[in-house]
Amino acid sequence: MTILERSRSVGLGDLPLELVCMIVEHLCLQDSIHFAAVCRTFRTAVFYTPRPISLSCDCLQTAAPFLRNLHCIQCLHVHDCSAEILRQICTCICHAPRVRTVEMCCSSSACLTGFSWNHLIRKLELRETSISATCDTWNELTNLEVLVLRCPLDDSLVDDVFLDICAKLPGLKKLAVVGANALTDACWGVLDCCPNLTHLFLRGAHLDSIPDLRQTKLEWLDLSGSSLHNDSLRLTELPPLVHLGLEETEVSGSLTAAISSSTPISVSLKTLNLRDTAVNPSVFRVLRQFPALRLLDLGEAIDEDSIIHHLANQHPQLQVYVSYEDAAAPGHPQIRKDALMVETLEFTNW
């Protein structure tokens, strides 16, 4: 056999098991099922390589035989599943002792009642559900770090319920409420309930003031859609945030005054969301106080090309997002039309 013929005969199955395992780490569930059917080496790599597994109710039936052979799961992602589906998942993989963490997305916390791995859930997302603090499930979520509540129904998430839930989750690090229409200033008590909180997203809350947050661990604060006004925001009382979201608020006056003074946030801030906020043009003249700023979302907050282009010229490292016609002019590639700042609502990187 010539060298050329020998090289052609070498395939993926000839790779060391360690390299095959590295390939397996990047396969989705369906691809893993097909990969495991090729040969014994591939099957061993698939069943013993720790990696994330994503499950939903529509794929469980076909994946059940495969799941029963998994020996370790780095992170189990479960999407839009009912209580019955969760019980089936537990049955399929109850023999895999090395399930390290679980991420859940479901319609109700009641779905988790009796779920044997509640103590492993690291991230929980509840969508369009009636929120209750009396559900026993909250006491079982001892390792929960990320909680996302989307559009709670019937204004069920009032201040008392919100704080009662957070008091049962002292280890929480990231918290988002999309549609916090029933929350008021009392909700700031969450910072006492969850002292390790680094990310806080309260969209649509009825907030008249912001307390002094300098002693907190917050790095990411988004109060978009809230009732904040000019007298509410004092940047001098904020910690060194990386992200600040003020979309559709009325804080332009206080923002302009506070930016001009030296504050911890002026050194740390990397993304600033002012989409559709009534912004005074003088804000842009003092943005040089923010040397770390890399993304500015304006939407239709201002539609003066000269100001936008001057900003782009003065800060070539800054990406500016706008949503009015003809804003992105040639020679200014960092000016982008229709910012997708809404991607922050996906919380995929949390």
Protein backbone atom coordinates (compact mmCIF):
# COMPACT_ATOMS: atom_id res chain seq x y z
CA MET A 1 0.00 0.00 0.00
CA THR A 2 1.41 3.38 -0.98
CA ILE A 3 1.61 6.35 1.39
CA LEU A 4 -1.20 8.06 -0.54
CA GLU A 5 -3.44 4.99 -0.30
CA ARG A 6 -2.68 4.65 3.40
CA SER A 7 -3.59 8.31 4.04
CA ARG A 8 -6.89 7.85 2.24
CA SER A 9 -7.77 4.88 4.44
CA VAL A 10 -7.47 6.88 7.67
CA GLY A 11 -10.85 8.19 8.84
CA LEU A 12 -12.51 9.82 11.82
CA GLY A 13 -12.66 6.46 13.57
CA ASP A 14 -8.86 6.32 13.65
CA LEU A 15 -8.59 9.42 15.83
CA PRO A 16 -7.66 9.02 19.50
CA LEU A 17 -10.69 8.78 21.77
CA GLU A 18 -9.75 12.09 23.41
CA LEU A 19 -10.11 13.94 20.08
CA VAL A 20 -13.41 12.20 19.31
CA CYS A 21 -14.70 13.37 22.72
CA MET A 22 -13.76 16.94 21.82
CA ILE A 23 -15.87 16.64 18.65
CA VAL A 24 -18.79 15.21 20.63
CA GLU A 25 -18.82 18.27 22.90
CA HIS A 26 -20.09 20.37 19.97
CA LEU A 27 -22.89 18.05 18.79
CA CYS A 28 -26.58 18.72 19.38
CA LEU A 29 -28.84 15.98 20.72
CA GLN A 30 -30.00 14.65 17.33
CA ASP A 31 -26.46 14.70 15.91
CA SER A 32 -25.24 12.85 19.00
CA ILE A 33 -27.82 10.11 18.42
CA HIS A 34 -26.67 9.64 14.82
CA PHE A 35 -22.98 9.86 15.79
CA ALA A 36 -23.37 7.16 18.45
CA ALA A 37 -24.86 4.77 15.88
CA VAL A 38 -21.72 4.74 13.72
CA CYS A 39 -19.39 2.57 15.77
CA ARG A 40 -18.41 1.51 19.29
CA THR A 41 -15.75 4.21 19.66
CA PHE A 42 -18.18 6.97 18.79
CA ARG A 43 -20.81 5.46 21.06
CA THR A 44 -18.39 5.40 23.99
CA ALA A 45 -17.42 9.03 23.38
CA VAL A 46 -21.05 10.16 23.21
CA PHE A 47 -22.18 8.34 26.36
CA TYR A 48 -19.22 9.32 28.56
CA THR A 49 -18.37 12.89 27.47
CA PRO A 50 -19.76 15.53 29.88
CA ARG A 51 -21.52 18.24 27.87
CA PRO A 52 -24.74 20.28 27.79
CA ILE A 53 -27.90 18.48 26.63
CA SER A 54 -30.99 20.38 25.47
CA LEU A 55 -34.42 18.74 25.73
CA SER A 56 -37.94 19.77 24.79
CA CYS A 57 -41.24 17.90 24.81
CA ASP A 58 -41.20 17.34 21.05
CA CYS A 59 -37.87 15.50 21.02
CA LEU A 60 -38.16 13.44 24.20
CA GLN A 61 -39.92 10.46 22.63
CA THR A 62 -37.27 9.84 19.98
CA ALA A 63 -34.41 10.65 22.35
CA ALA A 64 -35.55 8.54 25.32
CA PRO A 65 -33.59 5.35 24.43
CA PHE A 66 -30.48 7.43 23.86
CA LEU A 67 -30.86 9.33 27.13
CA ARG A 68 -31.03 6.11 29.15
CA ASN A 69 -27.43 5.35 28.14
CA LEU A 70 -25.90 8.69 29.08
CA HIS A 71 -23.51 8.46 32.02
CA CYS A 72 -22.83 12.15 32.63
CA ILE A 73 -24.45 15.46 31.67
CA GLN A 74 -22.64 18.73 32.21
CA CYS A 75 -25.79 20.84 32.04
CA LEU A 76 -29.35 19.77 31.24
CA HIS A 77 -31.39 22.42 29.38
CA VAL A 78 -35.13 21.74 29.50
CA HIS A 79 -37.46 23.90 27.39
CA ASP A 80 -41.23 24.37 27.66
CA CYS A 81 -41.98 21.10 29.41
CA SER A 82 -44.99 20.07 31.47
CA ALA A 83 -44.87 18.26 34.81
CA GLU A 84 -45.49 14.94 33.05
CA ILE A 85 -42.63 15.50 30.62
CA LEU A 86 -40.29 16.37 33.50
CA ARG A 87 -41.18 13.09 35.21
CA GLN A 88 -40.36 11.23 32.00
CA ILE A 89 -37.01 13.02 31.80
CA CYS A 90 -36.21 11.98 35.35
CA THR A 91 -37.06 8.37 34.48
CA CYS A 92 -34.81 8.44 31.40
CA ILE A 93 -31.71 9.80 33.07
CA CYS A 94 -32.16 8.95 36.74
CA HIS A 95 -29.20 6.56 36.51
CA ALA A 96 -26.79 9.30 35.36
CA PRO A 97 -25.38 10.41 38.72
CA ARG A 98 -23.21 13.12 37.26
CA VAL A 99 -25.85 15.62 36.19
CA ARG A 100 -24.06 18.75 37.35
CA THR A 101 -26.52 21.56 36.68
CA VAL A 102 -29.98 22.01 35.20
CA GLU A 103 -31.46 24.97 33.29
CA MET A 104 -35.25 25.08 33.03
CA CYS A 105 -37.75 26.99 30.92
CA CYS A 106 -41.39 26.20 31.65
CA SER A 107 -44.78 27.83 32.04
CA SER A 108 -45.27 27.44 35.77
CA SER A 109 -43.27 26.81 38.94
CA ALA A 110 -45.90 24.16 39.75
CA CYS A 111 -44.38 22.04 36.96
CA LEU A 112 -41.32 21.59 39.16
CA THR A 113 -43.22 20.14 42.11
CA GLY A 114 -41.66 16.78 42.90
CA PHE A 115 -38.90 17.19 40.31
CA SER A 116 -36.10 15.23 41.96
CA TRP A 117 -33.33 17.48 40.66
CA ASN A 118 -34.63 20.84 41.85
CA HIS A 119 -31.48 21.24 43.93
CA LEU A 120 -29.43 21.08 40.71
CA ILE A 121 -31.33 23.78 38.85
CA ARG A 122 -28.96 26.68 38.24
CA LYS A 123 -31.12 28.71 35.86
CA LEU A 124 -34.92 28.92 35.82
CA GLU A 125 -37.10 30.79 33.33
CA LEU A 126 -40.87 31.02 33.83
CA ARG A 127 -43.03 32.38 31.01
CA GLU A 128 -46.49 33.95 31.25
CA THR A 129 -47.46 32.32 34.50
CA SER A 130 -49.23 33.30 37.67
CA ILE A 131 -46.50 33.74 40.27
CA SER A 132 -47.03 32.47 43.82
CA ALA A 133 -44.58 32.58 46.71
CA THR A 134 -46.38 29.77 48.55
CA CYS A 135 -45.28 27.07 46.10
CA ASP A 136 -42.98 24.61 47.91
CA THR A 137 -40.72 24.48 44.86
CA TRP A 138 -39.01 27.75 45.78
CA ASN A 139 -37.61 26.15 48.97
CA GLU A 140 -36.10 23.33 46.91
CA LEU A 141 -34.18 25.59 44.50
CA THR A 142 -31.21 25.81 46.83
CA ASN A 143 -28.59 26.30 44.09
CA LEU A 144 -30.53 28.67 41.83
CA GLU A 145 -28.30 31.43 40.47
CA VAL A 146 -30.34 32.84 37.56
CA LEU A 147 -34.09 33.57 37.63
CA VAL A 148 -36.00 35.02 34.64
CA LEU A 149 -39.71 35.84 35.03
CA ARG A 150 -41.42 36.81 31.76
CA CYS A 151 -44.74 38.65 31.64
CA PRO A 152 -46.30 37.47 34.92
CA LEU A 153 -50.08 37.10 34.46
CA ASP A 154 -52.76 39.10 36.26
CA ASP A 155 -50.20 41.37 37.93
CA SER A 156 -49.51 38.45 40.27
CA LEU A 157 -45.93 39.54 40.91
CA VAL A 158 -46.53 42.31 43.44
CA ASP A 159 -43.84 43.58 45.81
CA ASP A 160 -44.66 41.22 48.70
CA VAL A 161 -44.73 38.10 46.51
CA PHE A 162 -41.56 39.17 44.73
CA LEU A 163 -39.64 39.70 47.98
CA ASP A 164 -40.97 36.49 49.56
CA ILE A 165 -39.67 34.49 46.61
CA CYS A 166 -36.29 36.24 46.61
CA ALA A 167 -35.93 35.65 50.36
CA LYS A 168 -35.99 31.91 49.63
CA LEU A 169 -33.22 32.29 47.02
CA PRO A 170 -30.32 33.94 48.89
CA GLY A 171 -27.77 32.57 46.41
CA LEU A 172 -29.35 34.32 43.44
CA LYS A 173 -26.84 36.20 41.27
CA LYS A 174 -28.88 37.25 38.22
CA LEU A 175 -32.54 38.29 38.27
CA ALA A 176 -34.75 39.52 35.43
CA VAL A 177 -38.43 40.46 35.42
CA VAL A 178 -39.81 41.32 31.98
CA GLY A 179 -43.14 43.02 32.53
CA ALA A 180 -42.67 44.11 36.13
CA ASN A 181 -45.82 46.25 35.96
CA ALA A 182 -46.89 45.55 39.54
CA LEU A 183 -43.51 46.27 41.17
CA THR A 184 -42.83 49.57 42.95
CA ASP A 185 -39.98 51.10 44.94
CA ALA A 186 -40.42 48.43 47.62
CA CYS A 187 -38.90 45.88 45.23
CA TRP A 188 -35.44 47.31 45.94
CA GLY A 189 -35.56 45.11 49.04
CA VAL A 190 -34.37 42.34 46.76
CA LEU A 191 -30.84 43.62 47.29
CA ASP A 192 -31.14 42.71 50.99
CA CYS A 193 -32.67 39.30 50.22
CA CYS A 194 -30.02 38.46 47.60
CA PRO A 195 -26.75 40.14 48.66
CA ASN A 196 -24.75 38.43 45.86
CA LEU A 197 -26.88 39.87 43.06
CA THR A 198 -24.73 41.10 40.15
CA HIS A 199 -27.38 41.41 37.38
CA LEU A 200 -30.77 43.06 37.86
CA PHE A 201 -33.30 43.65 35.08
CA LEU A 202 -36.66 45.22 36.00
CA ARG A 203 -38.53 46.15 32.82
CA GLY A 204 -41.65 48.23 33.25
CA ALA A 205 -41.50 48.67 37.03
CA HIS A 206 -43.18 51.69 38.64
CA LEU A 207 -40.08 53.23 40.21
CA ASP A 208 -40.00 56.74 41.60
CA SER A 209 -36.50 56.55 43.03
CA ILE A 210 -33.30 54.53 43.12
CA PRO A 211 -31.56 53.92 46.44
CA ASP A 212 -27.84 54.30 47.00
CA LEU A 213 -26.43 51.18 45.35
CA ARG A 214 -22.73 51.77 45.92
CA GLN A 215 -22.44 49.03 48.56
CA THR A 216 -24.04 46.38 46.33
CA LYS A 217 -22.31 43.95 43.96
CA LEU A 218 -24.34 45.04 40.93
CA GLU A 219 -22.48 45.07 37.61
CA TRP A 220 -25.47 45.02 35.23
CA LEU A 221 -28.54 47.20 35.85
CA ASP A 222 -31.42 47.64 33.41
CA LEU A 223 -34.50 49.68 34.35
CA SER A 224 -35.86 50.12 30.82
CA GLY A 225 -39.53 50.97 30.49
CA SER A 226 -39.78 52.04 34.11
CA SER A 227 -41.33 55.27 35.37
CA LEU A 228 -37.98 56.86 36.25
CA HIS A 229 -37.74 60.60 35.79
CA ASN A 230 -35.09 63.30 36.05
CA ASP A 231 -35.01 63.38 39.85
CA SER A 232 -34.73 59.58 40.17
CA LEU A 233 -31.27 58.88 38.80
CA ARG A 234 -28.05 59.81 40.56
CA LEU A 235 -25.05 58.24 38.88
CA THR A 236 -22.90 59.21 41.83
CA GLU A 237 -24.82 56.62 43.90
CA LEU A 238 -24.36 53.76 41.43
CA PRO A 239 -21.64 51.08 41.67
CA PRO A 240 -19.12 50.61 38.83
CA LEU A 241 -21.61 49.10 36.39
CA VAL A 242 -20.68 47.45 33.09
CA HIS A 243 -24.19 47.85 31.62
CA LEU A 244 -26.86 50.47 32.25
CA GLY A 245 -30.26 50.27 30.53
CA LEU A 246 -32.58 53.29 30.54
CA GLU A 247 -34.67 52.60 27.46
CA GLU A 248 -37.95 54.54 27.27
CA THR A 249 -37.37 56.47 30.48
CA GLU A 250 -37.24 60.20 31.22
CA VAL A 251 -33.87 60.65 32.87
CA SER A 252 -32.04 62.72 30.28
CA GLY A 253 -31.71 65.80 32.49
CA SER A 254 -30.17 64.06 35.48
CA LEU A 255 -28.06 61.89 33.17
CA THR A 256 -26.48 64.95 31.58
CA ALA A 257 -25.70 66.54 34.92
CA ALA A 258 -24.30 63.37 36.46
CA ILE A 259 -22.13 62.37 33.51
CA SER A 260 -20.13 65.56 33.76
CA SER A 261 -18.88 64.63 37.21
CA SER A 262 -16.35 61.92 37.98
CA THR A 263 -18.16 58.74 39.04
CA PRO A 264 -17.16 55.06 39.35
CA ILE A 265 -19.58 54.16 36.57
CA SER A 266 -17.87 56.52 34.13
CA VAL A 267 -14.75 54.35 34.23
CA SER A 268 -16.43 50.93 34.07
CA LEU A 269 -19.45 51.36 31.78
CA LYS A 270 -19.24 49.40 28.49
CA THR A 271 -22.86 49.43 27.21
CA LEU A 272 -25.43 52.20 27.59
CA ASN A 273 -29.01 51.76 26.37
CA LEU A 274 -30.84 55.06 25.81
CA ARG A 275 -33.13 53.73 23.08
CA ASP A 276 -36.14 56.01 22.62
CA THR A 277 -35.26 58.04 25.71
CA ALA A 278 -35.64 61.82 25.56
CA VAL A 279 -31.94 62.62 25.31
CA ASN A 280 -30.47 66.09 25.49
CA PRO A 281 -27.71 66.47 22.85
CA SER A 282 -25.36 67.78 25.54
CA VAL A 283 -25.07 64.20 26.80
CA PHE A 284 -22.87 63.29 23.85
CA ARG A 285 -20.39 66.07 24.51
CA VAL A 286 -19.33 64.51 27.77
CA LEU A 287 -19.18 60.87 26.67
CA ARG A 288 -15.41 61.15 26.66
CA GLN A 289 -15.80 60.69 30.41
CA PHE A 290 -16.57 57.05 29.57
CA PRO A 291 -13.32 55.60 28.19
CA ALA A 292 -14.55 51.97 28.38
CA LEU A 293 -17.84 52.59 26.53
CA ARG A 294 -18.14 50.32 23.49
CA LEU A 295 -21.87 50.21 22.69
CA LEU A 296 -24.41 53.02 22.70
CA ASP A 297 -28.02 52.25 21.73
CA LEU A 298 -30.02 55.36 20.82
CA GLY A 299 -32.89 54.10 18.69
CA GLU A 300 -34.81 57.26 17.85
CA ALA A 301 -33.59 59.11 20.91
CA ILE A 302 -31.91 61.62 18.62
CA ASP A 303 -32.06 61.98 14.85
CA GLU A 304 -29.45 64.66 14.19
CA ASP A 305 -26.90 63.21 11.79
CA SER A 306 -24.26 65.80 12.61
CA ILE A 307 -24.22 64.84 16.29
CA ILE A 308 -24.17 61.11 15.56
CA HIS A 309 -21.35 61.44 13.01
CA HIS A 310 -19.34 63.71 15.30
CA LEU A 311 -19.70 61.10 18.03
CA ALA A 312 -18.48 58.39 15.67
CA ASN A 313 -15.47 60.48 14.65
CA GLN A 314 -14.52 61.25 18.24
CA HIS A 315 -14.97 57.65 19.45
CA PRO A 316 -13.94 55.23 16.67
CA GLN A 317 -14.12 52.27 19.09
CA LEU A 318 -17.79 52.95 19.85
CA GLN A 319 -20.65 51.11 18.12
CA VAL A 320 -23.69 53.41 17.86
CA TYR A 321 -27.09 51.89 17.17
CA VAL A 322 -29.90 54.02 15.75
CA SER A 323 -33.26 53.27 14.12
CA TYR A 324 -34.09 56.27 11.95
CA GLU A 325 -33.72 56.39 8.18
CA ASP A 326 -30.39 57.21 6.49
CA ALA A 327 -28.46 57.27 9.74
CA ALA A 328 -25.68 54.92 8.69
CA ALA A 329 -23.59 57.06 6.35
CA PRO A 330 -20.59 55.88 4.32
CA GLY A 331 -17.36 56.22 6.23
CA HIS A 332 -19.02 55.48 9.56
CA PRO A 333 -19.20 51.68 9.76
CA GLN A 334 -19.66 51.85 13.51
CA ILE A 335 -23.07 53.53 13.07
CA ARG A 336 -25.60 50.75 12.69
CA LYS A 337 -29.26 51.03 11.89
CA ASP A 338 -31.82 49.20 14.03
CA ALA A 339 -29.86 48.13 17.04
CA LEU A 340 -30.77 44.71 18.26
CA MET A 341 -30.45 45.68 21.88
CA VAL A 342 -33.57 43.58 22.37
CA GLU A 343 -31.25 40.59 22.28
CA THR A 344 -30.56 41.40 25.91
CA LEU A 345 -34.11 40.14 26.55
CA GLU A 346 -33.01 36.64 25.59
CA PHE A 347 -30.64 36.31 28.57
CA THR A 348 -28.78 33.58 26.70
CA ASN A 349 -25.45 34.60 28.19
CA TRP A 350 -26.69 34.71 31.75
